[in-house]
Amino acid sequence: MQVLTRDLRPAVQNLLWGRAAGRCQFDNCNRILSRVPATQATRNIAEKAHIYAFSRGGPRADSAWPAKLLNDVENLLLVCHDCHVNIDKGDGPERYTAAVLMEMKRRHEQRIEIATGIAPNLSSHVLTYGTFIGAHQALPSFDDAAAALFPTRLPASATLIELGTRGGSQRDHDDAFWSEQRRELEYQFERQVRTPIERGDISHLSVFALAPQPLLIHLGVLLGDITPADTFQRHREPPGWAWPAEGAAVAFEVSRPARSGSTPALVLAVSATVTRDRIARVLGDDAAVWTITVAEPHNDLVKARGMLSAFRREMRTVLDRMKAQHGHTTPIHVFPALPVSLAIELGRARMPKADAPWVVYDEQQSRGGFVPAFTLNAEPSP
């Protein structure tokens, strides 16, 4: 009769390695097991841990588990040394029961199967943009961004495309702030985004940004349709950048001006209510005010990807109607109160060669309300 030993058949070892993708299967470890962390030297540092103990007196021993299946791949975890000690020593066997370890194994292998099933053309370069130190600190790390992409896409590169300024003497109440920030954004975008796209190095972008709304709009204008892109929203509850699985879309409501005034204004009241008197304070009572809003504006509204494309479609419809009523050369005064993702999508919806100039405003309570930031002029057709 064949004596059962701890030696694993090569086929079982290969299957275990493949299903674990060479990474530690213990929750929140995920260490690569094909190289030494300290030196990055190529070594096999993996250990194979039995879920149900091989020996009768071992951790999580259970006579109900068939002896012939003790060395089966379903009873094995691929782990690093530290995690192997953690689950088998001290109170490990009590904390990490067979059921707990089985569930860890299932989740890890399911994640690997999903990740390796993503087609190569679904990779995406991660772009971040922020203008203040605080904004940069709130932007996602590479790991957070990768988690937000998954399982729809995977990062195309191990590094972020980082745009924006971390400091500087100017702030948004300074006259030079907007011109300085726009110039810096355009320079960085040309060098780090547009040129690589033209070379064929970038085929898709995933965009994470936190900045004053006029600059987010300008980023959207630069993105336009030069390459496919997904815009992400920073959520407050639950906190993070990943789209909620059960996020519900909210319908947009459009109102046209009651009378045709001489100055067209576009009010985007999605993250907050914008009252008519705040616009009149800037443009006077004769402005023709068009409004896009929702039933209950608030700043954590965007919970579904579909809201972004719905917003772009609504924007195009409204802009075309405004052009028909006011002409294509009359500047439109844009007053945004938008979640960050929709501010970017507003810019992406703009057609620089077809749309009228936009005078973009920023809300600054210290200066009494909305103040003009800059003008986006129409680009001449070739």
Protein backbone atom coordinates (compact mmCIF):
# COMPACT_ATOMS: atom_id res chain seq x y z
CA MET A 1 0.00 0.00 0.00
CA GLN A 2 1.32 3.46 -0.96
CA VAL A 3 2.37 5.58 2.03
CA LEU A 4 1.01 9.14 1.97
CA THR A 5 3.72 11.80 2.35
CA ARG A 6 3.81 15.58 2.31
CA ASP A 7 5.51 15.53 -1.08
CA LEU A 8 3.24 17.14 -3.65
CA ARG A 9 3.00 15.84 -7.17
CA PRO A 10 4.45 18.30 -9.74
CA ALA A 11 1.02 18.57 -11.38
CA VAL A 12 -0.52 19.72 -8.09
CA GLN A 13 2.26 22.26 -7.48
CA ASN A 14 1.90 23.66 -10.99
CA LEU A 15 -1.86 23.94 -10.61
CA LEU A 16 -1.51 25.68 -7.24
CA TRP A 17 1.03 28.16 -8.62
CA GLY A 18 -1.13 28.85 -11.65
CA ARG A 19 -4.34 29.44 -9.72
CA ALA A 20 -2.51 31.73 -7.25
CA ALA A 21 -0.59 33.52 -10.04
CA GLY A 22 2.56 33.17 -7.96
CA ARG A 23 1.26 35.40 -5.16
CA CYS A 24 0.54 34.82 -1.49
CA GLN A 25 -3.11 33.86 -1.10
CA PHE A 26 -3.50 35.17 2.44
CA ASP A 27 -5.88 38.15 2.58
CA ASN A 28 -4.21 41.57 2.12
CA CYS A 29 -0.75 40.09 1.55
CA ASN A 30 -0.59 39.27 -2.17
CA ARG A 31 3.23 39.16 -2.01
CA ILE A 32 5.00 38.06 -5.19
CA LEU A 33 6.58 34.69 -4.38
CA SER A 34 9.03 34.48 -7.25
CA ARG A 35 11.56 37.00 -5.92
CA VAL A 36 13.20 38.03 -2.65
CA PRO A 37 11.66 41.30 -1.36
CA ALA A 38 14.93 42.73 0.00
CA THR A 39 17.10 42.15 -3.08
CA GLN A 40 14.59 41.44 -5.86
CA ALA A 41 16.65 38.35 -6.69
CA THR A 42 14.68 35.69 -8.54
CA ARG A 43 13.91 32.92 -6.07
CA ASN A 44 11.01 30.63 -5.29
CA ILE A 45 10.06 31.75 -1.77
CA ALA A 46 6.61 30.16 -1.80
CA GLU A 47 5.39 27.73 0.82
CA LYS A 48 2.45 25.34 0.49
CA ALA A 49 0.20 25.44 3.52
CA HIS A 50 -2.34 22.73 4.23
CA ILE A 51 -5.78 24.06 5.10
CA TYR A 52 -6.78 20.83 6.84
CA ALA A 53 -3.61 19.61 8.60
CA PHE A 54 -1.60 16.83 7.02
CA SER A 55 -0.89 15.29 10.43
CA ARG A 56 -3.60 14.30 12.89
CA GLY A 57 -2.26 16.63 15.58
CA GLY A 58 -1.62 19.56 13.24
CA PRO A 59 -3.52 22.84 12.95
CA ARG A 60 -7.10 22.47 11.71
CA ALA A 61 -6.84 18.66 11.63
CA ASP A 62 -10.17 17.06 10.76
CA SER A 63 -10.66 13.35 10.36
CA ALA A 64 -13.71 14.05 8.18
CA TRP A 65 -11.45 15.37 5.43
CA PRO A 66 -10.43 12.34 3.32
CA ALA A 67 -6.76 11.42 3.68
CA LYS A 68 -6.41 10.99 -0.07
CA LEU A 69 -7.37 14.66 -0.53
CA LEU A 70 -4.92 16.13 1.98
CA ASN A 71 -2.46 16.93 -0.82
CA ASP A 72 -5.17 17.96 -3.26
CA VAL A 73 -4.95 21.49 -4.65
CA GLU A 74 -8.28 22.34 -2.98
CA ASN A 75 -6.65 21.79 0.44
CA LEU A 76 -3.59 23.92 -0.25
CA LEU A 77 -2.74 27.60 -0.02
CA LEU A 78 0.25 29.19 -1.72
CA VAL A 79 1.68 31.54 0.92
CA CYS A 80 4.80 33.40 1.99
CA HIS A 81 6.71 32.27 5.07
CA ASP A 82 5.30 35.03 7.30
CA CYS A 83 1.69 34.18 6.49
CA HIS A 84 2.37 30.46 6.87
CA VAL A 85 3.60 31.09 10.42
CA ASN A 86 0.66 33.39 11.09
CA ILE A 87 -1.99 30.81 10.25
CA ASP A 88 -0.31 27.81 11.90
CA LYS A 89 1.30 29.16 15.10
CA GLY A 90 -0.07 30.70 18.30
CA ASP A 91 -3.76 31.44 18.03
CA GLY A 92 -3.62 31.14 14.23
CA PRO A 93 -5.48 27.82 14.01
CA GLU A 94 -8.35 29.25 16.08
CA ARG A 95 -8.52 32.56 14.21
CA TYR A 96 -7.98 31.13 10.75
CA THR A 97 -10.27 28.14 10.60
CA ALA A 98 -10.50 25.89 7.57
CA ALA A 99 -13.63 27.73 6.46
CA VAL A 100 -11.86 31.11 6.69
CA LEU A 101 -8.85 29.88 4.70
CA MET A 102 -11.07 28.22 2.10
CA GLU A 103 -12.85 31.54 1.57
CA MET A 104 -9.50 33.39 1.24
CA LYS A 105 -8.42 30.86 -1.37
CA ARG A 106 -11.70 31.19 -3.27
CA ARG A 107 -11.58 35.01 -3.36
CA HIS A 108 -7.94 35.12 -4.42
CA GLU A 109 -8.36 32.60 -7.21
CA GLN A 110 -11.55 34.27 -8.42
CA ARG A 111 -9.75 37.64 -8.57
CA ILE A 112 -6.88 36.10 -10.54
CA GLU A 113 -9.28 34.46 -12.96
CA ILE A 114 -11.09 37.75 -13.58
CA ALA A 115 -7.86 39.74 -13.95
CA THR A 116 -6.27 37.33 -16.39
CA GLY A 117 -9.50 37.16 -18.36
CA ILE A 118 -9.41 40.87 -19.22
CA ALA A 119 -8.54 41.34 -22.88
CA PRO A 120 -5.21 43.06 -23.68
CA ASN A 121 -7.03 45.94 -25.40
CA LEU A 122 -8.80 46.81 -22.15
CA SER A 123 -5.71 48.19 -20.45
CA SER A 124 -5.74 51.86 -19.48
CA HIS A 125 -3.20 54.52 -18.51
CA VAL A 126 -4.07 56.20 -15.20
CA LEU A 127 -4.04 60.02 -15.29
CA THR A 128 -4.31 62.12 -12.13
CA TYR A 129 -4.68 65.90 -11.90
CA GLY A 130 -4.61 68.16 -8.85
CA THR A 131 -3.66 71.77 -8.22
CA PHE A 132 -3.10 72.04 -4.45
CA ILE A 133 -1.13 69.98 -1.93
CA GLY A 134 -4.40 68.97 -0.29
CA ALA A 135 -5.82 67.83 -3.61
CA HIS A 136 -2.75 65.73 -4.38
CA GLN A 137 -3.03 64.05 -1.00
CA ALA A 138 -6.66 63.16 -1.75
CA LEU A 139 -5.93 61.80 -5.23
CA PRO A 140 -5.71 58.01 -5.42
CA SER A 141 -2.48 56.09 -5.08
CA PHE A 142 -1.59 53.73 -7.90
CA ASP A 143 -3.02 50.80 -5.95
CA ASP A 144 -6.26 52.67 -5.24
CA ALA A 145 -6.61 53.65 -8.88
CA ALA A 146 -5.95 50.08 -10.02
CA ALA A 147 -8.63 48.85 -7.63
CA ALA A 148 -11.10 51.41 -9.03
CA LEU A 149 -10.41 50.22 -12.59
CA PHE A 150 -10.86 46.54 -11.74
CA PRO A 151 -12.52 44.39 -13.04
CA THR A 152 -13.43 46.45 -16.13
CA ARG A 153 -9.84 47.42 -16.93
CA LEU A 154 -6.26 47.00 -15.77
CA PRO A 155 -3.48 49.62 -15.60
CA ALA A 156 -1.41 49.74 -18.78
CA SER A 157 1.63 50.98 -16.84
CA ALA A 158 2.97 50.66 -13.31
CA THR A 159 3.30 54.45 -13.04
CA LEU A 160 0.75 57.27 -12.98
CA ILE A 161 0.54 60.15 -15.43
CA GLU A 162 0.59 62.95 -12.86
CA LEU A 163 -0.52 66.42 -13.95
CA GLY A 164 -0.90 69.54 -11.84
CA THR A 165 1.03 71.69 -9.40
CA ARG A 166 1.73 70.84 -5.78
CA GLY A 167 2.38 74.37 -4.61
CA GLY A 168 3.05 77.79 -6.01
CA SER A 169 2.48 81.27 -4.67
CA GLN A 170 -0.80 81.86 -6.53
CA ARG A 171 -4.26 80.93 -5.23
CA ASP A 172 -7.63 81.12 -6.95
CA HIS A 173 -8.36 84.61 -5.59
CA ASP A 174 -5.18 85.96 -7.25
CA ASP A 175 -5.55 87.49 -10.71
CA ALA A 176 -2.64 85.50 -12.13
CA PHE A 177 -3.82 82.14 -10.78
CA TRP A 178 -6.01 81.02 -13.66
CA SER A 179 -3.61 81.95 -16.46
CA GLU A 180 -0.71 80.32 -14.62
CA GLN A 181 -2.61 77.11 -13.93
CA ARG A 182 -4.02 76.84 -17.47
CA ARG A 183 -0.60 77.38 -19.00
CA GLU A 184 0.97 74.73 -16.76
CA LEU A 185 -1.82 72.24 -17.44
CA GLU A 186 -1.58 72.74 -21.20
CA TYR A 187 2.21 72.30 -21.12
CA GLN A 188 2.05 69.12 -19.05
CA PHE A 189 -0.85 67.72 -21.07
CA GLU A 190 0.97 68.25 -24.36
CA ARG A 191 4.13 66.55 -23.11
CA GLN A 192 2.69 63.70 -21.03
CA VAL A 193 -0.61 62.96 -22.77
CA ARG A 194 -1.09 64.33 -26.29
CA THR A 195 2.38 63.45 -27.59
CA PRO A 196 2.29 59.83 -26.28
CA ILE A 197 -1.20 59.44 -27.79
CA GLU A 198 0.06 60.66 -31.15
CA ARG A 199 2.97 58.20 -30.92
CA GLY A 200 0.50 55.39 -30.27
CA ASP A 201 1.78 54.78 -26.73
CA ILE A 202 -1.59 55.53 -25.10
CA SER A 203 -4.89 54.12 -26.34
CA HIS A 204 -7.12 54.69 -23.29
CA LEU A 205 -7.08 56.91 -20.20
CA SER A 206 -8.65 56.58 -16.75
CA VAL A 207 -8.95 60.07 -15.25
CA PHE A 208 -8.89 60.95 -11.53
CA ALA A 209 -8.89 64.66 -10.71
CA LEU A 210 -9.47 67.17 -7.90
CA ALA A 211 -9.13 70.87 -8.71
CA PRO A 212 -11.17 74.07 -8.98
CA GLN A 213 -14.06 73.53 -11.37
CA PRO A 214 -12.86 75.83 -14.17
CA LEU A 215 -9.61 73.86 -14.37
CA LEU A 216 -11.48 70.54 -14.38
CA ILE A 217 -13.55 71.87 -17.28
CA HIS A 218 -10.37 72.89 -19.10
CA LEU A 219 -8.88 69.43 -18.52
CA GLY A 220 -12.02 67.98 -20.10
CA VAL A 221 -11.64 70.28 -23.10
CA LEU A 222 -8.05 69.10 -23.56
CA LEU A 223 -9.13 65.46 -23.32
CA GLY A 224 -12.00 65.96 -25.75
CA ASP A 225 -12.17 62.94 -27.99
CA ILE A 226 -8.45 62.54 -28.71
CA THR A 227 -8.58 59.08 -27.14
CA PRO A 228 -11.20 57.01 -25.30
CA ALA A 229 -11.28 57.89 -21.60
CA ASP A 230 -13.14 56.97 -18.42
CA THR A 231 -13.64 59.66 -15.79
CA PHE A 232 -13.85 58.66 -12.12
CA GLN A 233 -15.64 60.32 -9.22
CA ARG A 234 -14.35 60.56 -5.65
CA HIS A 235 -17.19 59.31 -3.45
CA ARG A 236 -17.76 60.48 0.11
CA GLU A 237 -20.00 57.61 1.28
CA PRO A 238 -18.64 55.03 1.07
CA PRO A 239 -15.29 56.79 0.60
CA GLY A 240 -13.19 55.91 -2.42
CA TRP A 241 -12.97 56.11 -6.20
CA ALA A 242 -14.47 52.77 -7.27
CA TRP A 243 -17.94 52.88 -8.75
CA PRO A 244 -20.50 51.35 -6.36
CA ALA A 245 -21.92 48.06 -7.60
CA GLU A 246 -25.49 49.21 -7.02
CA GLY A 247 -25.10 52.89 -7.92
CA ALA A 248 -28.32 54.47 -9.17
CA ALA A 249 -28.47 57.03 -11.95
CA VAL A 250 -30.25 60.35 -11.38
CA ALA A 251 -32.23 62.10 -14.11
CA PHE A 252 -31.23 65.59 -15.24
CA GLU A 253 -33.77 68.40 -15.51
CA VAL A 254 -33.41 71.18 -18.08
CA SER A 255 -35.11 74.56 -17.92
CA ARG A 256 -35.05 77.16 -20.68
CA PRO A 257 -35.10 80.92 -20.09
CA ALA A 258 -38.49 82.48 -19.52
CA ARG A 259 -37.50 85.36 -21.79
CA SER A 260 -34.86 85.83 -24.43
CA GLY A 261 -32.22 88.05 -22.90
CA SER A 262 -29.18 89.58 -24.47
CA THR A 263 -26.65 87.55 -22.46
CA PRO A 264 -26.92 83.72 -22.47
CA ALA A 265 -26.00 81.97 -19.23
CA LEU A 266 -25.68 78.23 -18.57
CA VAL A 267 -26.18 77.24 -14.93
CA LEU A 268 -25.13 73.72 -13.94
CA ALA A 269 -26.68 73.16 -10.51
CA VAL A 270 -25.97 69.49 -9.76
CA SER A 271 -23.82 69.50 -6.62
CA ALA A 272 -25.59 72.54 -5.14
CA THR A 273 -28.56 74.81 -5.80
CA VAL A 274 -27.77 78.01 -7.73
CA THR A 275 -30.42 80.70 -7.30
CA ARG A 276 -31.30 83.22 -10.00
CA ASP A 277 -30.20 86.21 -7.91
CA ARG A 278 -26.61 84.92 -7.86
CA ILE A 279 -26.54 85.06 -11.65
CA ALA A 280 -28.28 88.44 -11.77
CA ARG A 281 -25.60 89.82 -9.43
CA VAL A 282 -23.04 89.09 -12.19
CA LEU A 283 -24.96 89.51 -15.46
CA GLY A 284 -27.96 91.64 -14.49
CA ASP A 285 -31.65 90.82 -14.62
CA ASP A 286 -31.81 90.58 -18.41
CA ALA A 287 -29.71 87.40 -18.77
CA ALA A 288 -31.22 84.42 -20.59
CA VAL A 289 -30.59 81.66 -18.04
CA TRP A 290 -30.53 78.01 -19.11
CA THR A 291 -30.28 75.50 -16.27
CA ILE A 292 -29.34 71.84 -15.95
CA THR A 293 -30.07 70.49 -12.49
CA VAL A 294 -31.44 67.48 -10.59
CA ALA A 295 -34.32 67.05 -8.16
CA GLU A 296 -32.08 67.21 -5.08
CA PRO A 297 -28.61 68.66 -5.79
CA HIS A 298 -25.77 67.51 -3.53
CA ASN A 299 -22.05 66.84 -3.83
CA ASP A 300 -22.14 63.03 -3.51
CA LEU A 301 -24.71 62.50 -6.23
CA VAL A 302 -22.79 60.71 -8.97
CA LYS A 303 -22.91 57.00 -8.10
CA ALA A 304 -23.27 55.40 -11.54
CA ARG A 305 -21.01 55.52 -14.60
CA GLY A 306 -24.04 55.98 -16.82
CA MET A 307 -24.68 59.44 -15.37
CA LEU A 308 -21.54 60.73 -17.11
CA SER A 309 -22.61 59.77 -20.62
CA ALA A 310 -26.19 60.92 -19.88
CA PHE A 311 -24.82 64.29 -18.77
CA ARG A 312 -22.74 64.66 -21.95
CA ARG A 313 -25.79 63.90 -24.11
CA GLU A 314 -27.88 66.44 -22.19
CA MET A 315 -25.12 69.01 -22.53
CA ARG A 316 -24.91 68.60 -26.31
CA THR A 317 -28.67 69.00 -26.66
CA VAL A 318 -28.70 72.17 -24.55
CA LEU A 319 -25.64 73.68 -26.28
CA ASP A 320 -27.18 73.08 -29.71
CA ARG A 321 -30.42 74.76 -28.59
CA MET A 322 -28.50 77.70 -27.16
CA LYS A 323 -26.58 78.08 -30.40
CA ALA A 324 -29.83 78.07 -32.37
CA GLN A 325 -31.32 80.78 -30.13
CA HIS A 326 -28.30 82.99 -29.41
CA GLY A 327 -26.01 82.33 -32.37
CA HIS A 328 -22.63 80.60 -32.50
CA THR A 329 -20.51 83.67 -31.75
CA THR A 330 -22.27 85.05 -28.66
CA PRO A 331 -20.28 84.05 -25.56
CA ILE A 332 -22.03 81.72 -23.11
CA HIS A 333 -21.47 82.47 -19.43
CA VAL A 334 -20.99 79.12 -17.64
CA PHE A 335 -21.73 78.84 -13.90
CA PRO A 336 -20.72 75.36 -12.67
CA ALA A 337 -21.76 73.71 -9.41
CA LEU A 338 -20.81 70.18 -10.36
CA PRO A 339 -19.29 66.99 -8.95
CA VAL A 340 -15.70 66.70 -10.20
CA SER A 341 -16.46 63.99 -12.76
CA LEU A 342 -19.23 66.03 -14.37
CA ALA A 343 -17.03 69.14 -14.51
CA ILE A 344 -14.55 67.12 -16.59
CA GLU A 345 -17.36 65.70 -18.73
CA LEU A 346 -18.67 69.22 -19.32
CA GLY A 347 -15.33 70.10 -20.87
CA ARG A 348 -15.28 66.89 -22.91
CA ALA A 349 -18.73 67.75 -24.30
CA ARG A 350 -17.46 71.04 -25.72
CA MET A 351 -16.74 71.16 -29.47
CA PRO A 352 -14.08 73.89 -29.75
CA LYS A 353 -14.55 74.43 -33.50
CA ALA A 354 -18.36 74.52 -33.38
CA ASP A 355 -19.37 75.95 -30.01
CA ALA A 356 -19.53 79.58 -28.97
CA PRO A 357 -16.91 80.95 -26.58
CA TRP A 358 -17.45 80.07 -22.92
CA VAL A 359 -16.83 82.51 -20.09
CA VAL A 360 -16.23 80.11 -17.20
CA TYR A 361 -16.95 81.24 -13.64
CA ASP A 362 -15.73 80.06 -10.25
CA GLU A 363 -17.66 80.33 -6.99
CA GLN A 364 -15.62 82.28 -4.42
CA GLN A 365 -17.46 83.22 -1.25
CA SER A 366 -14.61 85.50 -0.17
CA ARG A 367 -15.32 87.65 -3.25
CA GLY A 368 -19.09 87.64 -2.96
CA GLY A 369 -20.07 84.80 -5.28
CA PHE A 370 -19.28 83.83 -8.86
CA VAL A 371 -16.27 85.49 -10.48
CA PRO A 372 -14.98 84.98 -14.04
CA ALA A 373 -11.98 82.65 -14.23
CA PHE A 374 -11.17 82.58 -17.95
CA THR A 375 -12.69 82.39 -21.43
CA LEU A 376 -12.56 79.32 -23.66
CA ASN A 377 -12.53 80.77 -27.16
CA ALA A 378 -13.77 79.02 -30.27
CA GLU A 379 -11.02 77.43 -32.35
CA PRO A 380 -10.91 78.27 -36.06
CA SER A 381 -11.84 75.45 -38.42
CA PRO A 382 -8.98 74.14 -40.58
